[in-house]
Amino acid sequence: MKILQVGPNSVHVSSYISALSEIEKDIYLLSEEICDFKGVKENFVISFRSLNPLSVLKSNRKLKQLLQQLKPDVIHMHQVNRSAYFVSRIAQKLNIRVVTTAWGSDVLLIPKQNVFFKFLVTQTLKNSAIVTADSEDMVQAMKALHPQGNFKLLQYGIDPIKATEKEKIVYSNRLHEPLYRIEKVIEYFNEFSAQYPDWKLVIAGTGSQTEQLKSLVNSSEIAEKTSFVGWQKKPENSAWYAKSSIYISIPSSDGTSVSVLEAMSAGCIPVVADLPVSHEWIASGKNGVIEKSGENPLLKALEIDHEACSEFNANLIDEKATRAASMKLFIGFYKP
């Protein structure tokens, strides 16, 4: 089966393709920049980021030529964005099957910004044979845009991480962008540290706010207890999960986060935002903490029985979120 993957330069896409390549060998990638992904035969680069209509038309012609020449059996698009709109539009005309995976804000927030974005997202959903999402609120949001759509609740799946000896570490690894509220993580830890001064905060990841966040930490009392470790490759990221006691992820919008699932598998107590998707995985006070106004969720995390929480979450991940189970379903969706 000739499979064309379409997506951004993301660890989630890279991990998915790496797992897929163990089963399917004829895999190609279309992205807006060169991606060093294992398991890809060839990486095609076509960008639709330009605001110049002539550039967009040129990219559209290039895309059409590529799909006509490559003739994939199926296209799997990761994220509902501008590239997904153009790919799905041409694929429909060429009678190529399209499977799309929504990521969260692409269907929860972007369609609400203006009529144009709502049109792009809705048309992409209409042009897709199947659209997967990892949370029920995303499925409901897509049904509101396209009631006739074929939507499936499905995780990317993760490879569970084995915990090592836990240390007094709070770990954060989401992107340093406004959506992920890393400044609030720092604020919570600053307050937490006043009561528990022997704990450390480790902030992984990068983004447009990195320097701003570093300045915020340096002007606070937690500068010596906070480490910015940058972008972490999978082995290093897994090692932080394995030894951290608490994992925190509190974005303003999200689908089911692979990072949260990985942290849960590694025995971290998850601290998450009060979003609909969080309630699908976390019973606050039992197997994690859901952020609540007026409370410091890091302090609430220490009230949880860590051993019972770890055991419950390990069983939950095995039942609902392993990569092996998810891959079988995705490959099934590739076939008409």
C-alpha atoms as a PDB file:
ATOM      1  CA  MET A   1       0.000   0.000   0.000  1.00  0.00           C
ATOM      2  CA  LYS A   2       1.426   3.388  -1.009  1.00  0.00           C
ATOM      3  CA  ILE A   3       0.759   5.827   1.842  1.00  0.00           C
ATOM      4  CA  LEU A   4       1.269   9.586   1.812  1.00  0.00           C
ATOM      5  CA  GLN A   5       1.508  11.171   5.255  1.00  0.00           C
ATOM      6  CA  VAL A   6       0.842  14.923   5.433  1.00  0.00           C
ATOM      7  CA  GLY A   7       1.795  16.865   8.517  1.00  0.00           C
ATOM      8  CA  PRO A   8       4.071  19.314  10.329  1.00  0.00           C
ATOM      9  CA  ASN A   9       7.574  18.747  11.655  1.00  0.00           C
ATOM     10  CA  SER A  10       6.281  17.325  14.925  1.00  0.00           C
ATOM     11  CA  VAL A  11       7.380  14.598  17.308  1.00  0.00           C
ATOM     12  CA  HIS A  12       3.822  13.211  17.151  1.00  0.00           C
ATOM     13  CA  VAL A  13       3.956  12.774  13.371  1.00  0.00           C
ATOM     14  CA  SER A  14       7.498  11.421  13.558  1.00  0.00           C
ATOM     15  CA  SER A  15       6.550   8.837  16.205  1.00  0.00           C
ATOM     16  CA  TYR A  16       3.463   7.783  14.285  1.00  0.00           C
ATOM     17  CA  ILE A  17       5.364   7.285  11.022  1.00  0.00           C
ATOM     18  CA  SER A  18       8.146   5.415  12.813  1.00  0.00           C
ATOM     19  CA  ALA A  19       5.598   2.960  14.237  1.00  0.00           C
ATOM     20  CA  LEU A  20       3.764   2.670  10.918  1.00  0.00           C
ATOM     21  CA  SER A  21       7.009   1.903   9.060  1.00  0.00           C
ATOM     22  CA  GLU A  22       7.385  -1.286  11.079  1.00  0.00           C
ATOM     23  CA  ILE A  23       4.225  -2.568   9.360  1.00  0.00           C
ATOM     24  CA  GLU A  24       4.018  -0.664   6.055  1.00  0.00           C
ATOM     25  CA  LYS A  25       7.139   0.104   3.992  1.00  0.00           C
ATOM     26  CA  ASP A  26       5.842   2.309   1.152  1.00  0.00           C
ATOM     27  CA  ILE A  27       5.523   5.591   3.080  1.00  0.00           C
ATOM     28  CA  TYR A  28       6.008   9.123   1.762  1.00  0.00           C
ATOM     29  CA  LEU A  29       5.769  12.469   3.564  1.00  0.00           C
ATOM     30  CA  LEU A  30       4.432  15.848   2.478  1.00  0.00           C
ATOM     31  CA  SER A  31       5.334  18.717   4.787  1.00  0.00           C
ATOM     32  CA  GLU A  32       6.048  22.445   4.710  1.00  0.00           C
ATOM     33  CA  GLU A  33       9.693  21.937   5.653  1.00  0.00           C
ATOM     34  CA  ILE A  34      12.243  19.133   5.513  1.00  0.00           C
ATOM     35  CA  CYS A  35      11.644  16.614   8.300  1.00  0.00           C
ATOM     36  CA  ASP A  36      14.175  14.024   9.420  1.00  0.00           C
ATOM     37  CA  PHE A  37      11.655  11.240  10.027  1.00  0.00           C
ATOM     38  CA  LYS A  38      12.561   7.561  10.232  1.00  0.00           C
ATOM     39  CA  GLY A  39      10.648   5.299   7.841  1.00  0.00           C
ATOM     40  CA  VAL A  40       9.977   7.812   5.040  1.00  0.00           C
ATOM     41  CA  LYS A  41      10.984   6.938   1.471  1.00  0.00           C
ATOM     42  CA  GLU A  42      10.834  10.541   0.283  1.00  0.00           C
ATOM     43  CA  ASN A  43       9.958  13.883   1.881  1.00  0.00           C
ATOM     44  CA  PHE A  44       8.172  16.340  -0.432  1.00  0.00           C
ATOM     45  CA  VAL A  45       8.023  20.002   0.627  1.00  0.00           C
ATOM     46  CA  ILE A  46       5.150  22.276  -0.425  1.00  0.00           C
ATOM     47  CA  SER A  47       4.117  25.260   1.680  1.00  0.00           C
ATOM     48  CA  PHE A  48       0.807  27.109   1.823  1.00  0.00           C
ATOM     49  CA  ARG A  49       1.941  29.626   4.449  1.00  0.00           C
ATOM     50  CA  SER A  50       2.230  32.548   2.030  1.00  0.00           C
ATOM     51  CA  LEU A  51      -0.416  35.278   1.989  1.00  0.00           C
ATOM     52  CA  ASN A  52       0.398  35.967  -1.663  1.00  0.00           C
ATOM     53  CA  PRO A  53      -2.412  34.472  -3.821  1.00  0.00           C
ATOM     54  CA  LEU A  54       0.019  33.797  -6.676  1.00  0.00           C
ATOM     55  CA  SER A  55       2.287  31.781  -4.371  1.00  0.00           C
ATOM     56  CA  VAL A  56      -0.689  29.783  -3.125  1.00  0.00           C
ATOM     57  CA  LEU A  57      -1.782  29.026  -6.696  1.00  0.00           C
ATOM     58  CA  LYS A  58       1.753  27.933  -7.575  1.00  0.00           C
ATOM     59  CA  SER A  59       1.858  25.607  -4.558  1.00  0.00           C
ATOM     60  CA  ASN A  60      -1.559  24.219  -5.491  1.00  0.00           C
ATOM     61  CA  ARG A  61      -0.377  23.351  -9.019  1.00  0.00           C
ATOM     62  CA  LYS A  62       2.751  21.729  -7.595  1.00  0.00           C
ATOM     63  CA  LEU A  63       0.615  19.714  -5.201  1.00  0.00           C
ATOM     64  CA  LYS A  64      -1.703  18.510  -7.955  1.00  0.00           C
ATOM     65  CA  GLN A  65       1.257  17.377 -10.070  1.00  0.00           C
ATOM     66  CA  LEU A  66       2.723  15.518  -7.093  1.00  0.00           C
ATOM     67  CA  LEU A  67      -0.488  13.621  -6.319  1.00  0.00           C
ATOM     68  CA  GLN A  68      -1.011  12.759  -9.989  1.00  0.00           C
ATOM     69  CA  GLN A  69       2.526  11.384 -10.267  1.00  0.00           C
ATOM     70  CA  LEU A  70       2.767   9.662  -6.876  1.00  0.00           C
ATOM     71  CA  LYS A  71      -0.746   8.137  -7.003  1.00  0.00           C
ATOM     72  CA  PRO A  72      -0.938   7.128  -3.328  1.00  0.00           C
ATOM     73  CA  ASP A  73      -3.545   4.586  -2.262  1.00  0.00           C
ATOM     74  CA  VAL A  74      -4.365   6.682   0.777  1.00  0.00           C
ATOM     75  CA  ILE A  75      -3.442  10.048   2.249  1.00  0.00           C
ATOM     76  CA  HIS A  76      -3.294  10.503   6.020  1.00  0.00           C
ATOM     77  CA  MET A  77      -3.366  14.155   7.082  1.00  0.00           C
ATOM     78  CA  HIS A  78      -2.215  15.093  10.571  1.00  0.00           C
ATOM     79  CA  GLN A  79      -3.877  18.331  11.704  1.00  0.00           C
ATOM     80  CA  VAL A  80      -6.724  20.201  10.006  1.00  0.00           C
ATOM     81  CA  ASN A  81      -4.922  23.232   8.569  1.00  0.00           C
ATOM     82  CA  ARG A  82      -4.441  25.077   5.281  1.00  0.00           C
ATOM     83  CA  SER A  83      -2.301  22.325   3.775  1.00  0.00           C
ATOM     84  CA  ALA A  84      -4.948  19.767   4.724  1.00  0.00           C
ATOM     85  CA  TYR A  85      -7.612  21.803   2.930  1.00  0.00           C
ATOM     86  CA  PHE A  86      -5.692  21.925  -0.362  1.00  0.00           C
ATOM     87  CA  VAL A  87      -4.569  18.288  -0.165  1.00  0.00           C
ATOM     88  CA  SER A  88      -8.074  16.990   0.592  1.00  0.00           C
ATOM     89  CA  ARG A  89      -9.595  19.132  -2.150  1.00  0.00           C
ATOM     90  CA  ILE A  90      -7.300  17.759  -4.871  1.00  0.00           C
ATOM     91  CA  ALA A  91      -7.424  14.214  -3.456  1.00  0.00           C
ATOM     92  CA  GLN A  92     -11.200  14.169  -3.760  1.00  0.00           C
ATOM     93  CA  LYS A  93     -10.997  15.159  -7.420  1.00  0.00           C
ATOM     94  CA  LEU A  94      -8.418  12.422  -8.034  1.00  0.00           C
ATOM     95  CA  ASN A  95     -10.474   9.869  -6.080  1.00  0.00           C
ATOM     96  CA  ILE A  96      -7.749   9.273  -3.489  1.00  0.00           C
ATOM     97  CA  ARG A  97      -8.914   8.121  -0.056  1.00  0.00           C
ATOM     98  CA  VAL A  98      -8.220  10.640   2.724  1.00  0.00           C
ATOM     99  CA  VAL A  99      -7.948   9.920   6.448  1.00  0.00           C
ATOM    100  CA  THR A 100      -7.555  12.990   8.655  1.00  0.00           C
ATOM    101  CA  THR A 101      -6.504  13.264  12.285  1.00  0.00           C
ATOM    102  CA  ALA A 102      -7.572  16.404  14.138  1.00  0.00           C
ATOM    103  CA  TRP A 103      -5.276  17.665  16.880  1.00  0.00           C
ATOM    104  CA  GLY A 104      -7.356  19.920  19.119  1.00  0.00           C
ATOM    105  CA  SER A 105      -7.310  23.668  18.569  1.00  0.00           C
ATOM    106  CA  ASP A 106      -7.567  23.096  14.806  1.00  0.00           C
ATOM    107  CA  VAL A 107     -11.221  22.067  15.255  1.00  0.00           C
ATOM    108  CA  LEU A 108     -11.980  23.520  18.696  1.00  0.00           C
ATOM    109  CA  LEU A 109     -10.677  27.087  18.284  1.00  0.00           C
ATOM    110  CA  ILE A 110      -9.626  27.901  14.702  1.00  0.00           C
ATOM    111  CA  PRO A 111     -13.148  27.649  13.157  1.00  0.00           C
ATOM    112  CA  LYS A 112     -14.356  30.239  15.675  1.00  0.00           C
ATOM    113  CA  GLN A 113     -11.811  32.848  14.580  1.00  0.00           C
ATOM    114  CA  ASN A 114     -13.518  33.854  11.338  1.00  0.00           C
ATOM    115  CA  VAL A 115     -15.706  32.627   8.473  1.00  0.00           C
ATOM    116  CA  PHE A 116     -12.713  31.872   6.246  1.00  0.00           C
ATOM    117  CA  PHE A 117     -11.070  29.481   8.720  1.00  0.00           C
ATOM    118  CA  LYS A 118     -14.408  27.850   9.463  1.00  0.00           C
ATOM    119  CA  PHE A 119     -14.822  27.204   5.727  1.00  0.00           C
ATOM    120  CA  LEU A 120     -11.335  25.644   5.396  1.00  0.00           C
ATOM    121  CA  VAL A 121     -11.887  23.309   8.337  1.00  0.00           C
ATOM    122  CA  THR A 122     -15.416  22.331   7.295  1.00  0.00           C
ATOM    123  CA  GLN A 123     -14.392  21.572   3.722  1.00  0.00           C
ATOM    124  CA  THR A 124     -11.488  19.443   4.908  1.00  0.00           C
ATOM    125  CA  LEU A 125     -13.861  17.411   7.068  1.00  0.00           C
ATOM    126  CA  LYS A 126     -16.222  16.990   4.106  1.00  0.00           C
ATOM    127  CA  ASN A 127     -13.392  15.794   1.845  1.00  0.00           C
ATOM    128  CA  SER A 128     -12.180  13.172   4.339  1.00  0.00           C
ATOM    129  CA  ALA A 129     -13.453   9.599   4.313  1.00  0.00           C
ATOM    130  CA  ILE A 130     -12.685   9.281   8.035  1.00  0.00           C
ATOM    131  CA  VAL A 131     -11.611  11.836  10.622  1.00  0.00           C
ATOM    132  CA  THR A 132     -10.078  10.657  13.872  1.00  0.00           C
ATOM    133  CA  ALA A 133      -9.875  12.632  17.099  1.00  0.00           C
ATOM    134  CA  ASP A 134      -8.570  11.740  20.520  1.00  0.00           C
ATOM    135  CA  SER A 135     -11.325  13.307  22.627  1.00  0.00           C
ATOM    136  CA  GLU A 136     -15.112  13.327  22.634  1.00  0.00           C
ATOM    137  CA  ASP A 137     -15.344  17.136  22.728  1.00  0.00           C
ATOM    138  CA  MET A 138     -13.368  17.290  19.462  1.00  0.00           C
ATOM    139  CA  VAL A 139     -15.744  14.773  17.876  1.00  0.00           C
ATOM    140  CA  GLN A 140     -18.729  16.853  18.952  1.00  0.00           C
ATOM    141  CA  ALA A 141     -17.125  20.056  17.637  1.00  0.00           C
ATOM    142  CA  MET A 142     -16.572  18.425  14.235  1.00  0.00           C
ATOM    143  CA  LYS A 143     -20.122  17.054  14.130  1.00  0.00           C
ATOM    144  CA  ALA A 144     -21.377  20.607  14.643  1.00  0.00           C
ATOM    145  CA  LEU A 145     -19.413  21.685  11.563  1.00  0.00           C
ATOM    146  CA  HIS A 146     -20.245  18.636   9.411  1.00  0.00           C
ATOM    147  CA  PRO A 147     -23.023  16.434  10.850  1.00  0.00           C
ATOM    148  CA  GLN A 148     -22.635  13.812   8.104  1.00  0.00           C
ATOM    149  CA  GLY A 149     -18.940  13.238   8.805  1.00  0.00           C
ATOM    150  CA  ASN A 150     -17.457   9.851   9.660  1.00  0.00           C
ATOM    151  CA  PHE A 151     -15.726  10.583  12.955  1.00  0.00           C
ATOM    152  CA  LYS A 152     -13.797   8.073  15.065  1.00  0.00           C
ATOM    153  CA  LEU A 153     -12.507   8.436  18.611  1.00  0.00           C
ATOM    154  CA  LEU A 154      -8.944   7.111  18.462  1.00  0.00           C
ATOM    155  CA  GLN A 155      -5.619   7.884  20.147  1.00  0.00           C
ATOM    156  CA  TYR A 156      -2.306   8.019  18.306  1.00  0.00           C
ATOM    157  CA  GLY A 157      -1.222   5.593  20.966  1.00  0.00           C
ATOM    158  CA  ILE A 158       1.954   5.581  23.011  1.00  0.00           C
ATOM    159  CA  ASP A 159       4.749   3.225  23.958  1.00  0.00           C
ATOM    160  CA  PRO A 160       4.394   2.995  27.760  1.00  0.00           C
ATOM    161  CA  ILE A 161       7.379   4.299  29.742  1.00  0.00           C
ATOM    162  CA  LYS A 162       8.719   2.391  32.724  1.00  0.00           C
ATOM    163  CA  ALA A 163       9.182   4.468  35.862  1.00  0.00           C
ATOM    164  CA  THR A 164      12.538   4.622  37.618  1.00  0.00           C
ATOM    165  CA  GLU A 165      13.159   5.822  41.159  1.00  0.00           C
ATOM    166  CA  LYS A 166      11.062   8.952  41.547  1.00  0.00           C
ATOM    167  CA  GLU A 167      12.667  12.265  42.457  1.00  0.00           C
ATOM    168  CA  LYS A 168      11.180  15.511  43.719  1.00  0.00           C
ATOM    169  CA  ILE A 169      10.771  16.915  40.219  1.00  0.00           C
ATOM    170  CA  VAL A 170       7.862  18.714  38.546  1.00  0.00           C
ATOM    171  CA  TYR A 171       8.196  18.210  34.782  1.00  0.00           C
ATOM    172  CA  SER A 172       6.730  20.393  32.016  1.00  0.00           C
ATOM    173  CA  ASN A 173       7.433  19.783  28.321  1.00  0.00           C
ATOM    174  CA  ARG A 174       4.774  21.592  26.298  1.00  0.00           C
ATOM    175  CA  LEU A 175       5.708  24.244  23.728  1.00  0.00           C
ATOM    176  CA  HIS A 176       6.609  27.727  24.940  1.00  0.00           C
ATOM    177  CA  GLU A 177       3.637  29.380  23.268  1.00  0.00           C
ATOM    178  CA  PRO A 178       0.700  31.327  24.785  1.00  0.00           C
ATOM    179  CA  LEU A 179      -1.645  28.353  24.308  1.00  0.00           C
ATOM    180  CA  TYR A 180       0.322  26.240  26.798  1.00  0.00           C
ATOM    181  CA  ARG A 181       0.448  28.762  29.692  1.00  0.00           C
ATOM    182  CA  ILE A 182       3.974  27.927  30.848  1.00  0.00           C
ATOM    183  CA  GLU A 183       4.038  31.203  32.784  1.00  0.00           C
ATOM    184  CA  LYS A 184       1.221  29.809  34.943  1.00  0.00           C
ATOM    185  CA  VAL A 185       3.247  26.648  35.544  1.00  0.00           C
ATOM    186  CA  ILE A 186       6.061  28.868  36.839  1.00  0.00           C
ATOM    187  CA  GLU A 187       3.637  30.810  39.025  1.00  0.00           C
ATOM    188  CA  TYR A 188       2.258  27.604  40.552  1.00  0.00           C
ATOM    189  CA  PHE A 189       5.738  26.240  41.219  1.00  0.00           C
ATOM    190  CA  ASN A 190       6.879  29.501  42.806  1.00  0.00           C
ATOM    191  CA  GLU A 191       4.064  29.208  45.350  1.00  0.00           C
ATOM    192  CA  PHE A 192       4.595  25.452  45.739  1.00  0.00           C
ATOM    193  CA  SER A 193       8.319  25.907  46.348  1.00  0.00           C
ATOM    194  CA  ALA A 194       7.713  28.209  49.294  1.00  0.00           C
ATOM    195  CA  GLN A 195       6.245  25.213  51.157  1.00  0.00           C
ATOM    196  CA  TYR A 196       8.389  22.487  49.560  1.00  0.00           C
ATOM    197  CA  PRO A 197      11.814  24.076  48.901  1.00  0.00           C
ATOM    198  CA  ASP A 198      13.556  20.759  48.086  1.00  0.00           C
ATOM    199  CA  TRP A 199      11.583  20.239  44.855  1.00  0.00           C
ATOM    200  CA  LYS A 200      12.795  21.209  41.366  1.00  0.00           C
ATOM    201  CA  LEU A 201      10.985  22.392  38.236  1.00  0.00           C
ATOM    202  CA  VAL A 202      12.260  21.105  34.886  1.00  0.00           C
ATOM    203  CA  ILE A 203      10.946  22.943  31.813  1.00  0.00           C
ATOM    204  CA  ALA A 204      11.605  21.211  28.508  1.00  0.00           C
ATOM    205  CA  GLY A 205      10.584  22.414  25.052  1.00  0.00           C
ATOM    206  CA  THR A 206      11.105  25.619  23.122  1.00  0.00           C
ATOM    207  CA  GLY A 207       9.000  28.320  21.506  1.00  0.00           C
ATOM    208  CA  SER A 208       8.477  32.014  20.920  1.00  0.00           C
ATOM    209  CA  GLN A 209       8.217  32.707  24.670  1.00  0.00           C
ATOM    210  CA  THR A 210      11.349  30.869  25.825  1.00  0.00           C
ATOM    211  CA  GLU A 211      13.444  33.939  26.608  1.00  0.00           C
ATOM    212  CA  GLN A 212      10.484  35.679  28.234  1.00  0.00           C
ATOM    213  CA  LEU A 213       9.900  32.641  30.461  1.00  0.00           C
ATOM    214  CA  LYS A 214      13.577  32.463  31.410  1.00  0.00           C
ATOM    215  CA  SER A 215      13.472  36.133  32.419  1.00  0.00           C
ATOM    216  CA  LEU A 216      10.369  35.458  34.506  1.00  0.00           C
ATOM    217  CA  VAL A 217      12.148  32.656  36.367  1.00  0.00           C
ATOM    218  CA  ASN A 218      15.359  34.650  36.831  1.00  0.00           C
ATOM    219  CA  SER A 219      13.435  37.479  38.464  1.00  0.00           C
ATOM    220  CA  SER A 220      11.789  35.100  40.940  1.00  0.00           C
ATOM    221  CA  GLU A 221      12.933  33.123  43.961  1.00  0.00           C
ATOM    222  CA  ILE A 222      12.962  29.800  42.082  1.00  0.00           C
ATOM    223  CA  ALA A 223      15.801  30.554  39.660  1.00  0.00           C
ATOM    224  CA  GLU A 224      18.169  28.028  41.276  1.00  0.00           C
ATOM    225  CA  LYS A 225      15.433  25.381  41.435  1.00  0.00           C
ATOM    226  CA  THR A 226      14.316  25.680  37.799  1.00  0.00           C
ATOM    227  CA  SER A 227      16.057  24.199  34.770  1.00  0.00           C
ATOM    228  CA  PHE A 228      15.316  24.931  31.103  1.00  0.00           C
ATOM    229  CA  VAL A 229      16.556  21.815  29.319  1.00  0.00           C
ATOM    230  CA  GLY A 230      15.460  22.687  25.769  1.00  0.00           C
ATOM    231  CA  TRP A 231      13.989  20.388  23.165  1.00  0.00           C
ATOM    232  CA  GLN A 232      14.206  16.775  24.304  1.00  0.00           C
ATOM    233  CA  LYS A 233      14.523  13.811  21.978  1.00  0.00           C
ATOM    234  CA  LYS A 234      12.488  10.745  22.841  1.00  0.00           C
ATOM    235  CA  PRO A 235      15.081   8.955  25.053  1.00  0.00           C
ATOM    236  CA  GLU A 236      15.804  12.076  27.105  1.00  0.00           C
ATOM    237  CA  ASN A 237      12.121  12.996  27.338  1.00  0.00           C
ATOM    238  CA  SER A 238      11.265   9.473  28.503  1.00  0.00           C
ATOM    239  CA  ALA A 239      14.002   9.664  31.146  1.00  0.00           C
ATOM    240  CA  TRP A 240      12.474  12.841  32.596  1.00  0.00           C
ATOM    241  CA  TYR A 241       9.041  11.218  32.742  1.00  0.00           C
ATOM    242  CA  ALA A 242      10.521   8.160  34.404  1.00  0.00           C
ATOM    243  CA  LYS A 243      12.099  10.026  37.322  1.00  0.00           C
ATOM    244  CA  SER A 244       9.673  12.954  37.747  1.00  0.00           C
ATOM    245  CA  SER A 245       7.007  12.682  40.425  1.00  0.00           C
ATOM    246  CA  ILE A 246       4.622  15.280  39.003  1.00  0.00           C
ATOM    247  CA  TYR A 247       3.884  16.174  35.395  1.00  0.00           C
ATOM    248  CA  ILE A 248       2.030  19.405  34.565  1.00  0.00           C
ATOM    249  CA  SER A 249       0.262  20.397  31.334  1.00  0.00           C
ATOM    250  CA  ILE A 250      -2.325  23.203  31.526  1.00  0.00           C
ATOM    251  CA  PRO A 251      -3.029  24.570  28.012  1.00  0.00           C
ATOM    252  CA  SER A 252      -6.075  26.719  27.332  1.00  0.00           C
ATOM    253  CA  SER A 253      -7.237  24.218  24.686  1.00  0.00           C
ATOM    254  CA  ASP A 254      -6.209  20.658  23.865  1.00  0.00           C
ATOM    255  CA  GLY A 255      -7.160  17.244  22.631  1.00  0.00           C
ATOM    256  CA  THR A 256      -5.865  14.171  24.414  1.00  0.00           C
ATOM    257  CA  SER A 257      -2.192  15.001  24.900  1.00  0.00           C
ATOM    258  CA  VAL A 258       0.307  12.290  24.024  1.00  0.00           C
ATOM    259  CA  SER A 259       2.616  13.903  26.576  1.00  0.00           C
ATOM    260  CA  VAL A 260       0.041  13.509  29.338  1.00  0.00           C
ATOM    261  CA  LEU A 261      -0.529   9.859  28.430  1.00  0.00           C
ATOM    262  CA  GLU A 262       3.225   9.207  28.422  1.00  0.00           C
ATOM    263  CA  ALA A 263       3.571  10.868  31.824  1.00  0.00           C
ATOM    264  CA  MET A 264       0.699   8.778  33.202  1.00  0.00           C
ATOM    265  CA  SER A 265       2.321   5.576  31.915  1.00  0.00           C
ATOM    266  CA  ALA A 266       5.575   6.559  33.634  1.00  0.00           C
ATOM    267  CA  GLY A 267       3.971   6.916  37.041  1.00  0.00           C
ATOM    268  CA  CYS A 268       3.884  10.710  37.226  1.00  0.00           C
ATOM    269  CA  ILE A 269       0.953  12.344  38.987  1.00  0.00           C
ATOM    270  CA  PRO A 270      -0.641  14.319  36.126  1.00  0.00           C
ATOM    271  CA  VAL A 271      -1.717  17.918  36.717  1.00  0.00           C
ATOM    272  CA  VAL A 272      -3.942  19.065  33.866  1.00  0.00           C
ATOM    273  CA  ALA A 273      -6.167  21.957  32.780  1.00  0.00           C
ATOM    274  CA  ASP A 274      -9.917  21.982  33.402  1.00  0.00           C
ATOM    275  CA  LEU A 275     -10.845  21.040  29.833  1.00  0.00           C
ATOM    276  CA  PRO A 276     -13.508  18.555  28.686  1.00  0.00           C
ATOM    277  CA  VAL A 277     -10.823  16.129  27.516  1.00  0.00           C
ATOM    278  CA  SER A 278      -9.172  16.115  30.953  1.00  0.00           C
ATOM    279  CA  HIS A 279     -12.317  14.686  32.517  1.00  0.00           C
ATOM    280  CA  GLU A 280     -12.190  11.798  30.024  1.00  0.00           C
ATOM    281  CA  TRP A 281      -8.920  10.620  31.611  1.00  0.00           C
ATOM    282  CA  ILE A 282      -8.590  12.130  35.080  1.00  0.00           C
ATOM    283  CA  ALA A 283     -10.731  11.795  38.189  1.00  0.00           C
ATOM    284  CA  SER A 284      -9.342  14.732  40.128  1.00  0.00           C
ATOM    285  CA  GLY A 285      -7.941  13.657  43.458  1.00  0.00           C
ATOM    286  CA  LYS A 286      -7.732   9.997  42.425  1.00  0.00           C
ATOM    287  CA  ASN A 287      -5.441   9.548  39.427  1.00  0.00           C
ATOM    288  CA  GLY A 288      -4.376  13.143  38.927  1.00  0.00           C
ATOM    289  CA  VAL A 289      -5.354  16.759  39.539  1.00  0.00           C
ATOM    290  CA  ILE A 290      -7.559  18.933  37.357  1.00  0.00           C
ATOM    291  CA  GLU A 291      -6.760  22.629  37.704  1.00  0.00           C
ATOM    292  CA  LYS A 292      -9.341  24.544  39.726  1.00  0.00           C
ATOM    293  CA  SER A 293      -9.611  28.288  40.236  1.00  0.00           C
ATOM    294  CA  GLY A 294      -8.280  29.434  43.575  1.00  0.00           C
ATOM    295  CA  GLU A 295      -6.187  26.290  44.194  1.00  0.00           C
ATOM    296  CA  ASN A 296      -2.591  25.428  43.473  1.00  0.00           C
ATOM    297  CA  PRO A 297      -2.807  22.064  41.660  1.00  0.00           C
ATOM    298  CA  LEU A 298       0.793  21.171  42.532  1.00  0.00           C
ATOM    299  CA  LEU A 299      -0.072  21.320  46.209  1.00  0.00           C
ATOM    300  CA  LYS A 300      -3.174  19.183  45.568  1.00  0.00           C
ATOM    301  CA  ALA A 301      -1.002  16.616  43.777  1.00  0.00           C
ATOM    302  CA  LEU A 302       0.881  15.867  46.994  1.00  0.00           C
ATOM    303  CA  GLU A 303      -2.395  14.835  48.631  1.00  0.00           C
ATOM    304  CA  ILE A 304      -2.760  11.900  46.213  1.00  0.00           C
ATOM    305  CA  ASP A 305      -1.624   8.364  47.038  1.00  0.00           C
ATOM    306  CA  HIS A 306       1.205   8.150  44.504  1.00  0.00           C
ATOM    307  CA  GLU A 307       1.416   4.356  44.418  1.00  0.00           C
ATOM    308  CA  ALA A 308      -2.331   3.880  43.873  1.00  0.00           C
ATOM    309  CA  CYS A 309      -2.376   6.634  41.253  1.00  0.00           C
ATOM    310  CA  SER A 310       0.508   5.053  39.322  1.00  0.00           C
ATOM    311  CA  GLU A 311      -1.091   1.616  39.324  1.00  0.00           C
ATOM    312  CA  PHE A 312      -4.480   2.961  38.193  1.00  0.00           C
ATOM    313  CA  ASN A 313      -2.961   5.019  35.361  1.00  0.00           C
ATOM    314  CA  ALA A 314      -0.766   2.160  34.128  1.00  0.00           C
ATOM    315  CA  ASN A 315      -3.842  -0.041  33.784  1.00  0.00           C
ATOM    316  CA  LEU A 316      -5.777   2.773  32.093  1.00  0.00           C
ATOM    317  CA  ILE A 317      -3.040   3.327  29.493  1.00  0.00           C
ATOM    318  CA  ASP A 318      -2.754  -0.409  28.778  1.00  0.00           C
ATOM    319  CA  GLU A 319      -6.492  -0.585  28.201  1.00  0.00           C
ATOM    320  CA  LYS A 320      -7.018   2.561  26.116  1.00  0.00           C
ATOM    321  CA  ALA A 321      -3.859   4.092  24.737  1.00  0.00           C
ATOM    322  CA  THR A 322      -1.168   1.683  23.567  1.00  0.00           C
ATOM    323  CA  ARG A 323       0.344   2.350  20.156  1.00  0.00           C
ATOM    324  CA  ALA A 324       0.045  -1.269  18.999  1.00  0.00           C
ATOM    325  CA  ALA A 325      -3.742  -1.253  19.367  1.00  0.00           C
ATOM    326  CA  SER A 326      -4.115   2.160  17.729  1.00  0.00           C
ATOM    327  CA  MET A 327      -1.930   1.297  14.714  1.00  0.00           C
ATOM    328  CA  LYS A 328      -4.118  -1.678  13.809  1.00  0.00           C
ATOM    329  CA  LEU A 329      -7.188   0.566  13.738  1.00  0.00           C
ATOM    330  CA  PHE A 330      -5.487   3.296  11.699  1.00  0.00           C
ATOM    331  CA  ILE A 331      -4.315   0.795   9.064  1.00  0.00           C
ATOM    332  CA  GLY A 332      -7.863  -0.557   8.931  1.00  0.00           C
ATOM    333  CA  PHE A 333      -9.116   2.965   8.171  1.00  0.00           C
ATOM    334  CA  TYR A 334      -6.653   3.220   5.262  1.00  0.00           C
ATOM    335  CA  LYS A 335      -8.593   0.561   3.363  1.00  0.00           C
ATOM    336  CA  PRO A 336     -11.979   1.353   1.738  1.00  0.00           C
END
